[in-house]
């Protein structure tokens, strides 16, 4: 009985990271809310035509936070850039859910994704190396 409980606990623990991951296909649909301000554009093609109010999100996962050249970032994002922090799926989801809370200061991004932030982060990760 103890072995069965220990095995069950181990399996549940192993499954937890999978539950936290987003669904890239669902994120593609949810990204429609983001494209008013953001585009996804590789050096050779426009993947998602969008606004230029926010930075290009191509290659955002794995990129230093606040590092798109020529874009005017908030002080909070500049501080994260100076610290060398890198966007991960988890940090993108947290930022998209509540930018001010993520930064601990005022963000220029006023939009909050009420749901689906993990999915959008997973979708954006498909455009990163």
N, C-alpha and C. Protein backbone atom coordinates (compact mmCIF):
# COMPACT_ATOMS: atom_id res chain seq x y z
N UNK A 1 0.83 -1.20 0.00
CA UNK A 1 0.00 0.00 0.00
C UNK A 1 0.88 1.27 0.00
N UNK A 2 1.94 1.25 0.84
CA UNK A 2 2.83 2.41 0.89
C UNK A 2 3.52 2.63 -0.45
N UNK A 3 3.89 1.53 -1.10
CA UNK A 3 4.55 1.62 -2.40
C UNK A 3 3.60 2.24 -3.42
N UNK A 4 2.33 1.83 -3.38
CA UNK A 4 1.35 2.36 -4.32
C UNK A 4 1.14 3.85 -4.10
N UNK A 5 1.08 4.29 -2.85
CA UNK A 5 0.91 5.71 -2.55
C UNK A 5 2.14 6.51 -3.00
N UNK A 6 3.32 5.98 -2.74
CA UNK A 6 4.54 6.67 -3.14
C UNK A 6 4.62 6.77 -4.66
N UNK A 7 4.26 5.71 -5.36
CA UNK A 7 4.27 5.71 -6.82
C UNK A 7 3.25 6.71 -7.36
N UNK A 8 2.07 6.73 -6.78
CA UNK A 8 1.03 7.67 -7.21
C UNK A 8 1.48 9.11 -7.00
N UNK A 9 2.09 9.39 -5.86
CA UNK A 9 2.56 10.75 -5.58
C UNK A 9 3.64 11.16 -6.57
N UNK A 10 4.53 10.22 -6.89
CA UNK A 10 5.60 10.52 -7.85
C UNK A 10 5.02 10.81 -9.23
N UNK A 11 4.04 10.02 -9.65
CA UNK A 11 3.43 10.24 -10.96
C UNK A 11 2.70 11.58 -11.03
N UNK A 12 2.02 11.94 -9.97
CA UNK A 12 1.32 13.23 -9.94
C UNK A 12 2.33 14.37 -10.02
N UNK A 13 3.43 14.24 -9.27
CA UNK A 13 4.46 15.27 -9.29
C UNK A 13 5.05 15.42 -10.68
N UNK A 14 5.29 14.31 -11.36
CA UNK A 14 5.85 14.37 -12.71
C UNK A 14 4.87 14.99 -13.70
N UNK A 15 3.59 14.82 -13.47
CA UNK A 15 2.57 15.33 -14.39
C UNK A 15 2.33 16.83 -14.21
N UNK A 16 2.65 17.40 -13.07
CA UNK A 16 2.35 18.81 -12.81
C UNK A 16 2.98 19.77 -13.81
N UNK A 17 4.23 19.63 -14.18
CA UNK A 17 4.76 20.56 -15.18
C UNK A 17 4.00 20.52 -16.49
N UNK A 18 3.53 19.37 -16.88
CA UNK A 18 2.77 19.25 -18.13
C UNK A 18 1.46 20.01 -18.05
N UNK A 19 0.86 20.05 -16.84
CA UNK A 19 -0.40 20.76 -16.69
C UNK A 19 -0.21 22.27 -16.81
N UNK A 20 0.98 22.77 -16.48
CA UNK A 20 1.23 24.20 -16.50
C UNK A 20 1.57 24.70 -17.91
N UNK A 21 1.88 23.83 -18.82
CA UNK A 21 2.26 24.24 -20.17
C UNK A 21 1.06 24.70 -20.96
N UNK A 22 1.31 25.62 -21.87
CA UNK A 22 0.24 26.14 -22.70
C UNK A 22 0.03 25.34 -23.97
N UNK A 23 -1.05 25.63 -24.65
CA UNK A 23 -1.43 24.99 -25.91
C UNK A 23 -1.19 26.01 -27.03
N UNK A 24 -0.17 25.76 -27.85
CA UNK A 24 0.20 26.69 -28.91
C UNK A 24 -0.93 26.94 -29.90
N UNK A 25 -1.70 25.90 -30.22
CA UNK A 25 -2.82 26.07 -31.18
C UNK A 25 -3.87 27.02 -30.60
N UNK A 26 -4.18 26.87 -29.33
CA UNK A 26 -5.13 27.78 -28.68
C UNK A 26 -4.53 29.19 -28.59
N UNK A 27 -3.21 29.24 -28.36
CA UNK A 27 -2.53 30.53 -28.27
C UNK A 27 -2.55 31.32 -29.56
N UNK A 28 -2.55 30.61 -30.69
CA UNK A 28 -2.64 31.29 -31.98
C UNK A 28 -3.93 32.09 -32.07
N UNK A 29 -5.02 31.51 -31.62
CA UNK A 29 -6.31 32.21 -31.64
C UNK A 29 -6.31 33.37 -30.65
N UNK A 30 -5.80 33.12 -29.46
CA UNK A 30 -5.79 34.16 -28.42
C UNK A 30 -4.89 35.31 -28.82
N UNK A 31 -3.84 35.04 -29.59
CA UNK A 31 -2.92 36.10 -30.02
C UNK A 31 -3.62 37.18 -30.83
N UNK A 32 -4.79 36.88 -31.39
CA UNK A 32 -5.56 37.90 -32.12
C UNK A 32 -5.80 39.13 -31.26
N UNK A 33 -5.88 38.94 -29.93
CA UNK A 33 -6.07 40.07 -29.01
C UNK A 33 -4.79 40.90 -28.89
N UNK A 34 -3.67 40.32 -29.20
CA UNK A 34 -2.36 40.97 -29.04
C UNK A 34 -1.91 41.71 -30.29
N UNK A 35 -2.42 41.29 -31.43
CA UNK A 35 -1.88 41.83 -32.68
C UNK A 35 -2.31 43.26 -32.98
N UNK A 36 -3.17 43.83 -32.17
CA UNK A 36 -3.46 45.25 -32.33
C UNK A 36 -2.19 46.08 -32.05
N UNK A 37 -1.33 45.55 -31.20
CA UNK A 37 -0.10 46.26 -30.82
C UNK A 37 1.19 45.55 -31.26
N UNK A 38 1.13 44.24 -31.45
CA UNK A 38 2.34 43.46 -31.73
C UNK A 38 2.23 42.71 -33.06
N UNK A 39 3.39 42.57 -33.71
CA UNK A 39 3.47 41.73 -34.90
C UNK A 39 4.43 40.59 -34.61
N UNK A 40 4.40 39.58 -35.47
CA UNK A 40 5.41 38.52 -35.43
C UNK A 40 6.01 38.51 -36.83
N UNK A 41 7.26 38.96 -36.90
CA UNK A 41 7.91 39.13 -38.20
C UNK A 41 9.36 38.65 -38.11
N UNK A 42 9.67 37.62 -38.89
CA UNK A 42 11.05 37.12 -38.95
C UNK A 42 11.85 38.04 -39.88
N UNK A 43 13.15 37.86 -39.96
CA UNK A 43 13.92 38.67 -40.89
C UNK A 43 13.49 38.49 -42.36
N UNK A 44 12.85 37.36 -42.66
CA UNK A 44 12.50 37.09 -44.06
C UNK A 44 11.01 37.09 -44.37
N UNK A 45 10.14 37.11 -43.35
CA UNK A 45 8.70 37.07 -43.65
C UNK A 45 7.85 37.64 -42.53
N UNK A 46 6.68 38.13 -42.91
CA UNK A 46 5.69 38.57 -41.94
C UNK A 46 4.83 37.36 -41.61
N UNK A 47 4.85 36.94 -40.37
CA UNK A 47 4.09 35.77 -39.95
C UNK A 47 2.70 36.20 -39.49
N UNK A 48 2.66 37.22 -38.64
CA UNK A 48 1.39 37.81 -38.21
C UNK A 48 1.53 39.32 -38.35
N UNK A 49 0.72 39.86 -39.25
CA UNK A 49 0.72 41.31 -39.44
C UNK A 49 0.01 41.92 -38.24
N UNK A 50 0.62 42.91 -37.65
CA UNK A 50 0.03 43.53 -36.47
C UNK A 50 0.54 44.95 -36.29
N UNK A 51 0.21 45.51 -35.14
CA UNK A 51 0.59 46.88 -34.84
C UNK A 51 2.07 47.00 -34.50
N UNK A 52 2.48 48.25 -34.40
CA UNK A 52 3.89 48.52 -34.08
C UNK A 52 4.00 49.31 -32.78
N UNK A 53 2.90 49.37 -32.03
CA UNK A 53 2.93 50.03 -30.73
C UNK A 53 3.83 49.26 -29.78
N UNK A 54 3.72 47.93 -29.84
CA UNK A 54 4.56 47.06 -29.03
C UNK A 54 5.64 46.45 -29.91
N UNK A 55 6.67 45.87 -29.28
CA UNK A 55 7.77 45.31 -30.07
C UNK A 55 7.37 44.05 -30.83
N UNK A 56 8.13 43.75 -31.85
CA UNK A 56 7.99 42.51 -32.63
C UNK A 56 8.23 41.34 -31.68
N UNK A 57 7.36 40.35 -31.71
CA UNK A 57 7.49 39.22 -30.79
C UNK A 57 8.14 37.99 -31.41
N UNK A 58 8.69 38.13 -32.60
CA UNK A 58 9.41 37.01 -33.20
C UNK A 58 10.68 36.76 -32.38
N UNK A 59 10.86 35.54 -31.94
CA UNK A 59 12.04 35.17 -31.16
C UNK A 59 12.05 35.68 -29.74
N UNK A 60 10.87 36.03 -29.21
CA UNK A 60 10.82 36.63 -27.88
C UNK A 60 11.24 35.65 -26.78
N UNK A 61 10.83 34.38 -26.87
CA UNK A 61 11.23 33.41 -25.85
C UNK A 61 12.72 33.13 -26.02
N UNK A 62 13.48 33.41 -24.97
CA UNK A 62 14.93 33.26 -25.01
C UNK A 62 15.67 34.56 -25.24
N UNK A 63 14.93 35.63 -25.52
CA UNK A 63 15.53 36.94 -25.77
C UNK A 63 15.60 37.71 -24.44
N UNK A 64 16.59 38.55 -24.30
CA UNK A 64 16.69 39.39 -23.11
C UNK A 64 15.47 40.31 -23.08
N UNK A 65 14.87 40.42 -21.92
CA UNK A 65 13.69 41.27 -21.74
C UNK A 65 14.05 42.72 -22.10
N UNK A 66 13.16 43.36 -22.84
CA UNK A 66 13.34 44.77 -23.17
C UNK A 66 14.54 45.06 -24.05
N UNK A 67 14.78 44.20 -25.04
CA UNK A 67 16.01 44.37 -25.83
C UNK A 67 15.80 44.59 -27.33
N UNK A 68 14.56 44.83 -27.76
CA UNK A 68 14.35 45.12 -29.19
C UNK A 68 14.84 46.55 -29.44
N UNK A 69 15.80 46.66 -30.31
CA UNK A 69 16.42 47.95 -30.58
C UNK A 69 15.40 48.94 -31.14
N UNK A 70 15.50 50.16 -30.66
CA UNK A 70 14.64 51.22 -31.17
C UNK A 70 13.29 51.31 -30.51
N UNK A 71 12.99 50.43 -29.57
CA UNK A 71 11.70 50.47 -28.90
C UNK A 71 11.86 51.14 -27.53
N UNK A 72 10.93 52.00 -27.18
CA UNK A 72 10.98 52.72 -25.90
C UNK A 72 10.30 51.94 -24.80
N UNK A 73 11.08 51.25 -24.00
CA UNK A 73 10.54 50.41 -22.93
C UNK A 73 10.30 51.20 -21.65
N UNK A 74 9.44 50.66 -20.79
CA UNK A 74 9.20 51.25 -19.48
C UNK A 74 10.44 51.05 -18.61
N UNK A 75 10.51 51.81 -17.54
CA UNK A 75 11.65 51.69 -16.63
C UNK A 75 11.77 50.29 -16.05
N UNK A 76 10.63 49.66 -15.76
CA UNK A 76 10.65 48.30 -15.21
C UNK A 76 11.25 47.29 -16.17
N UNK A 77 10.90 47.40 -17.45
CA UNK A 77 11.47 46.49 -18.44
C UNK A 77 12.94 46.81 -18.69
N UNK A 78 13.30 48.09 -18.65
CA UNK A 78 14.71 48.46 -18.81
C UNK A 78 15.54 47.87 -17.67
N UNK A 79 15.00 47.89 -16.47
CA UNK A 79 15.72 47.32 -15.31
C UNK A 79 15.94 45.83 -15.49
N UNK A 80 14.92 45.14 -16.01
CA UNK A 80 15.06 43.70 -16.24
C UNK A 80 16.09 43.44 -17.35
N UNK A 81 16.12 44.31 -18.35
CA UNK A 81 17.12 44.17 -19.42
C UNK A 81 18.53 44.36 -18.87
N UNK A 82 18.70 45.38 -18.03
CA UNK A 82 20.00 45.64 -17.43
C UNK A 82 20.46 44.48 -16.55
N UNK A 83 19.50 43.79 -15.94
CA UNK A 83 19.82 42.63 -15.10
C UNK A 83 20.07 41.38 -15.94
N UNK A 84 19.81 41.48 -17.25
CA UNK A 84 20.05 40.34 -18.14
C UNK A 84 18.98 39.27 -18.09
N UNK A 85 17.80 39.61 -17.55
CA UNK A 85 16.72 38.63 -17.48
C UNK A 85 16.23 38.30 -18.89
N UNK A 86 15.87 37.04 -19.08
CA UNK A 86 15.47 36.52 -20.39
C UNK A 86 14.00 36.09 -20.34
N UNK A 87 13.28 36.37 -21.42
CA UNK A 87 11.88 35.93 -21.50
C UNK A 87 11.82 34.40 -21.56
N UNK A 88 10.96 33.84 -20.74
CA UNK A 88 10.62 32.43 -20.79
C UNK A 88 9.12 32.35 -21.03
N UNK A 89 8.62 31.16 -21.30
CA UNK A 89 7.17 31.02 -21.45
C UNK A 89 6.47 31.45 -20.17
N UNK A 90 7.04 31.08 -19.03
CA UNK A 90 6.43 31.40 -17.74
C UNK A 90 6.42 32.91 -17.49
N UNK A 91 7.54 33.58 -17.79
CA UNK A 91 7.59 35.03 -17.55
C UNK A 91 6.68 35.79 -18.52
N UNK A 92 6.61 35.32 -19.76
CA UNK A 92 5.68 35.95 -20.73
C UNK A 92 4.24 35.81 -20.28
N UNK A 93 3.88 34.63 -19.79
CA UNK A 93 2.51 34.41 -19.31
C UNK A 93 2.21 35.32 -18.12
N UNK A 94 3.16 35.44 -17.19
CA UNK A 94 2.96 36.30 -16.02
C UNK A 94 2.84 37.76 -16.44
N UNK A 95 3.70 38.21 -17.35
CA UNK A 95 3.66 39.59 -17.82
C UNK A 95 2.34 39.87 -18.54
N UNK A 96 1.91 38.95 -19.40
CA UNK A 96 0.68 39.14 -20.17
C UNK A 96 -0.55 39.17 -19.28
N UNK A 97 -0.50 38.46 -18.17
CA UNK A 97 -1.63 38.42 -17.25
C UNK A 97 -1.76 39.73 -16.48
N UNK A 98 -0.63 40.27 -16.00
CA UNK A 98 -0.64 41.53 -15.27
C UNK A 98 0.74 42.18 -15.36
N UNK A 99 0.95 43.03 -16.38
CA UNK A 99 2.26 43.64 -16.59
C UNK A 99 2.79 44.41 -15.38
N UNK A 100 1.92 45.19 -14.74
CA UNK A 100 2.37 46.00 -13.59
C UNK A 100 2.82 45.11 -12.43
N UNK A 101 2.08 44.06 -12.17
CA UNK A 101 2.46 43.16 -11.09
C UNK A 101 3.77 42.44 -11.41
N UNK A 102 3.93 41.99 -12.66
CA UNK A 102 5.15 41.31 -13.07
C UNK A 102 6.38 42.21 -12.87
N UNK A 103 6.24 43.47 -13.23
CA UNK A 103 7.37 44.40 -13.15
C UNK A 103 7.55 44.98 -11.76
N UNK A 104 6.47 45.02 -10.99
CA UNK A 104 6.54 45.70 -9.70
C UNK A 104 6.57 47.21 -9.88
N UNK A 105 6.19 47.66 -11.07
CA UNK A 105 6.12 49.08 -11.38
C UNK A 105 5.18 49.27 -12.57
N UNK A 106 5.02 50.50 -12.99
CA UNK A 106 4.11 50.82 -14.09
C UNK A 106 4.67 50.31 -15.42
N UNK A 107 3.81 49.67 -16.19
CA UNK A 107 4.18 49.19 -17.52
C UNK A 107 3.47 50.04 -18.57
N UNK A 108 4.07 50.16 -19.74
CA UNK A 108 3.40 50.84 -20.84
C UNK A 108 2.30 49.96 -21.42
N UNK A 109 2.39 48.65 -21.19
CA UNK A 109 1.37 47.73 -21.70
C UNK A 109 0.18 47.77 -20.73
N UNK A 110 -0.93 48.26 -21.21
CA UNK A 110 -2.10 48.40 -20.35
C UNK A 110 -3.06 47.22 -20.49
N UNK A 111 -2.90 46.43 -21.53
CA UNK A 111 -3.77 45.28 -21.78
C UNK A 111 -3.38 44.11 -20.88
N UNK A 112 -4.38 43.39 -20.37
CA UNK A 112 -4.13 42.18 -19.58
C UNK A 112 -4.89 41.03 -20.20
N UNK A 113 -4.21 39.91 -20.40
CA UNK A 113 -4.89 38.71 -20.88
C UNK A 113 -5.57 38.05 -19.69
N UNK A 114 -6.87 38.05 -19.66
CA UNK A 114 -7.63 37.48 -18.55
C UNK A 114 -7.49 35.96 -18.50
N UNK A 115 -7.38 35.34 -19.69
CA UNK A 115 -7.16 33.89 -19.74
C UNK A 115 -6.40 33.57 -21.02
N UNK A 116 -5.68 32.47 -21.00
CA UNK A 116 -4.96 32.03 -22.19
C UNK A 116 -3.54 32.53 -22.31
N UNK A 117 -3.01 33.16 -21.26
CA UNK A 117 -1.65 33.69 -21.34
C UNK A 117 -0.62 32.58 -21.55
N UNK A 118 -0.81 31.43 -20.92
CA UNK A 118 0.11 30.30 -21.10
C UNK A 118 0.06 29.81 -22.54
N UNK A 119 -1.13 29.85 -23.13
CA UNK A 119 -1.28 29.42 -24.52
C UNK A 119 -0.57 30.38 -25.48
N UNK A 120 -0.71 31.67 -25.24
CA UNK A 120 -0.02 32.65 -26.09
C UNK A 120 1.48 32.50 -25.95
N UNK A 121 1.96 32.28 -24.75
CA UNK A 121 3.40 32.08 -24.53
C UNK A 121 3.89 30.84 -25.28
N UNK A 122 3.11 29.76 -25.25
CA UNK A 122 3.48 28.55 -25.98
C UNK A 122 3.49 28.81 -27.49
N UNK A 123 2.52 29.58 -27.97
CA UNK A 123 2.47 29.95 -29.39
C UNK A 123 3.70 30.76 -29.78
N UNK A 124 4.04 31.76 -28.98
CA UNK A 124 5.21 32.58 -29.28
C UNK A 124 6.50 31.78 -29.22
N UNK A 125 6.54 30.77 -28.37
CA UNK A 125 7.73 29.92 -28.28
C UNK A 125 7.98 29.17 -29.58
N UNK A 126 6.95 28.96 -30.39
CA UNK A 126 7.14 28.27 -31.67
C UNK A 126 7.92 29.13 -32.66
N UNK A 127 8.07 30.42 -32.37
CA UNK A 127 8.83 31.34 -33.23
C UNK A 127 10.16 31.73 -32.61
N UNK A 128 10.64 30.90 -31.71
CA UNK A 128 11.92 31.16 -31.04
C UNK A 128 12.86 30.01 -31.29
N UNK A 129 14.13 30.31 -31.20
CA UNK A 129 15.15 29.28 -31.47
C UNK A 129 15.47 28.47 -30.24
